[in-house]
Amino acid sequence: MKRTAGVVYLRIGFPTCATVSETPRELREAAERACFEERGFTAPLEDACVRWFVHGDALVQRAERDGTDHLARVVGEDWFWYSTTARGRLVFRARVVATFTETHPDTSALARRLLDRMNQVWEPQPIDTRRTHVS
């Protein structure tokens, strides 16, 4: 898993960064191919993405990672963290995981149902497709 840690950030939207953004598909796929070719492997990224999807601490900045169940907290409360809200981050991650129909059909279906429900009850929180700064 460590070997894919950096490149999975492109797919799941920079989960621990203040500025979450969606990497355009063509750029992300080219970066993934280059990383896999350089390292000599093609490990699936889906498992890592699913972990980020359910990892509540990735909904808050490092200083607030204190053992609170932020995934449960986001159901009844939303908060802003630099470029979007916690709900915006969770909706984006659900959208990513919902696409894993071939490799993770059950998880993908669950993410799709959660995404549909979140879109019904929460205001849309767009995720930018461009980086506004270099981290």
Protein backbone atom coordinates (compact mmCIF):
# COMPACT_ATOMS: atom_id res chain seq x y z
CA MET A 1 0.00 0.00 0.00
CA LYS A 2 2.80 2.43 0.79
CA ARG A 3 3.90 2.15 -2.83
CA THR A 4 0.62 3.65 -4.05
CA ALA A 5 0.16 6.23 -1.28
CA GLY A 6 1.17 9.26 -3.33
CA VAL A 7 -0.61 8.46 -6.56
CA VAL A 8 -3.89 7.58 -4.83
CA TYR A 9 -4.10 11.22 -3.71
CA LEU A 10 -4.74 12.18 -7.33
CA ARG A 11 -7.72 9.87 -7.56
CA ILE A 12 -9.35 10.62 -4.21
CA GLY A 13 -8.85 14.41 -4.32
CA PHE A 14 -5.95 15.12 -1.95
CA PRO A 15 -7.78 13.91 1.17
CA THR A 16 -5.54 15.40 3.84
CA CYS A 17 -4.84 18.69 2.10
CA ALA A 18 -6.65 21.95 2.80
CA THR A 19 -7.30 22.46 -0.90
CA VAL A 20 -9.12 19.40 -2.15
CA SER A 21 -9.36 19.23 -5.91
CA GLU A 22 -10.29 16.84 -8.66
CA THR A 23 -7.43 16.00 -10.97
CA PRO A 24 -8.64 15.92 -14.59
CA ARG A 25 -9.00 12.29 -15.70
CA GLU A 26 -6.44 12.41 -18.52
CA LEU A 27 -3.80 13.94 -16.26
CA ARG A 28 -4.56 11.55 -13.40
CA GLU A 29 -4.40 8.48 -15.63
CA ALA A 30 -1.11 9.64 -17.18
CA ALA A 31 0.37 10.20 -13.71
CA GLU A 32 -0.82 6.78 -12.53
CA ARG A 33 0.69 5.07 -15.59
CA ALA A 34 3.99 6.91 -15.15
CA CYS A 35 4.13 6.02 -11.46
CA PHE A 36 3.35 2.36 -12.10
CA GLU A 37 5.87 2.13 -14.95
CA GLU A 38 8.60 3.79 -12.90
CA ARG A 39 8.01 1.50 -9.94
CA GLY A 40 7.41 -1.64 -11.96
CA PHE A 41 3.99 -2.61 -10.67
CA THR A 42 0.30 -1.99 -11.23
CA ALA A 43 -1.37 -2.21 -7.85
CA PRO A 44 -5.06 -1.38 -7.73
CA LEU A 45 -5.89 1.94 -6.11
CA GLU A 46 -9.49 1.14 -5.29
CA ASP A 47 -8.83 -0.30 -1.80
CA ALA A 48 -6.92 2.82 -0.78
CA CYS A 49 -9.70 5.04 -2.11
CA VAL A 50 -12.32 3.11 -0.14
CA ARG A 51 -10.23 3.57 3.02
CA TRP A 52 -10.07 7.34 2.44
CA PHE A 53 -13.84 7.37 1.85
CA VAL A 54 -14.59 6.02 5.33
CA HIS A 55 -11.67 7.64 7.15
CA GLY A 56 -13.34 10.37 9.22
CA ASP A 57 -10.08 12.04 10.27
CA ALA A 58 -9.56 13.04 6.65
CA LEU A 59 -12.55 15.37 7.00
CA VAL A 60 -10.68 17.72 9.36
CA GLN A 61 -7.28 19.35 9.46
CA ARG A 62 -4.52 17.62 11.39
CA ALA A 63 -4.90 19.79 14.51
CA GLU A 64 -8.50 18.55 14.90
CA ARG A 65 -7.71 14.83 14.61
CA ASP A 66 -8.39 14.05 18.24
CA GLY A 67 -10.27 10.76 18.21
CA THR A 68 -13.66 12.30 17.42
CA ASP A 69 -15.74 10.23 14.99
CA HIS A 70 -15.89 12.89 12.27
CA LEU A 71 -17.60 10.53 9.83
CA ALA A 72 -20.54 10.24 12.26
CA ARG A 73 -20.34 13.96 13.06
CA VAL A 74 -20.74 15.01 9.41
CA VAL A 75 -24.23 13.49 9.25
CA GLY A 76 -25.67 16.19 11.49
CA GLU A 77 -23.13 18.98 11.10
CA ASP A 78 -21.05 20.45 8.31
CA TRP A 79 -17.93 22.56 8.60
CA PHE A 80 -15.71 24.42 6.23
CA TRP A 81 -12.06 23.50 5.77
CA TYR A 82 -10.31 25.91 3.39
CA SER A 83 -11.60 25.03 -0.09
CA THR A 84 -14.80 23.10 0.66
CA THR A 85 -16.85 21.60 3.43
CA ALA A 86 -16.57 18.23 5.12
CA ARG A 87 -19.73 17.14 3.34
CA GLY A 88 -18.28 18.29 0.03
CA ARG A 89 -15.23 16.11 0.65
CA LEU A 90 -17.37 13.10 1.59
CA VAL A 91 -19.66 13.50 -1.43
CA PHE A 92 -16.63 13.73 -3.73
CA ARG A 93 -15.11 10.56 -2.25
CA ALA A 94 -18.43 8.73 -2.53
CA ARG A 95 -18.57 9.70 -6.20
CA VAL A 96 -15.07 8.27 -6.74
CA VAL A 97 -15.84 4.99 -4.95
CA ALA A 98 -19.19 4.65 -6.74
CA THR A 99 -17.27 4.20 -10.01
CA PHE A 100 -15.57 0.97 -8.87
CA THR A 101 -18.32 -1.22 -10.34
CA GLU A 102 -15.97 -3.83 -11.81
CA THR A 103 -13.50 -4.27 -8.96
CA HIS A 104 -15.74 -3.56 -5.95
CA PRO A 105 -19.37 -3.98 -7.08
CA ASP A 106 -20.95 -4.15 -3.61
CA THR A 107 -18.92 -1.24 -2.22
CA SER A 108 -19.62 0.72 -5.38
CA ALA A 109 -23.36 0.12 -5.03
CA LEU A 110 -23.26 1.21 -1.38
CA ALA A 111 -21.32 4.36 -2.28
CA ARG A 112 -23.83 5.10 -5.07
CA ARG A 113 -26.78 4.78 -2.65
CA LEU A 114 -25.03 6.98 -0.08
CA LEU A 115 -24.16 9.50 -2.78
CA ASP A 116 -27.75 9.62 -4.01
CA ARG A 117 -29.01 10.20 -0.46
CA MET A 118 -26.37 12.82 0.36
CA ASN A 119 -27.27 14.67 -2.84
CA GLN A 120 -30.94 14.66 -1.79
CA VAL A 121 -30.42 16.05 1.70
CA TRP A 122 -27.28 18.19 1.49
CA GLU A 123 -26.57 21.29 -0.56
CA PRO A 124 -24.13 20.69 -3.42
CA GLN A 125 -20.49 21.42 -2.62
CA PRO A 126 -18.54 21.59 -5.87
CA ILE A 127 -14.94 20.40 -5.91
CA ASP A 128 -12.62 22.41 -8.13
CA THR A 129 -10.81 20.67 -10.96
CA ARG A 130 -7.79 22.91 -10.83
CA ARG A 131 -5.12 23.44 -8.25
CA THR A 132 -4.88 27.00 -7.05
CA HIS A 133 -1.49 26.54 -5.43
CA VAL A 134 1.40 24.13 -5.24
CA SER A 135 1.60 22.18 -1.98
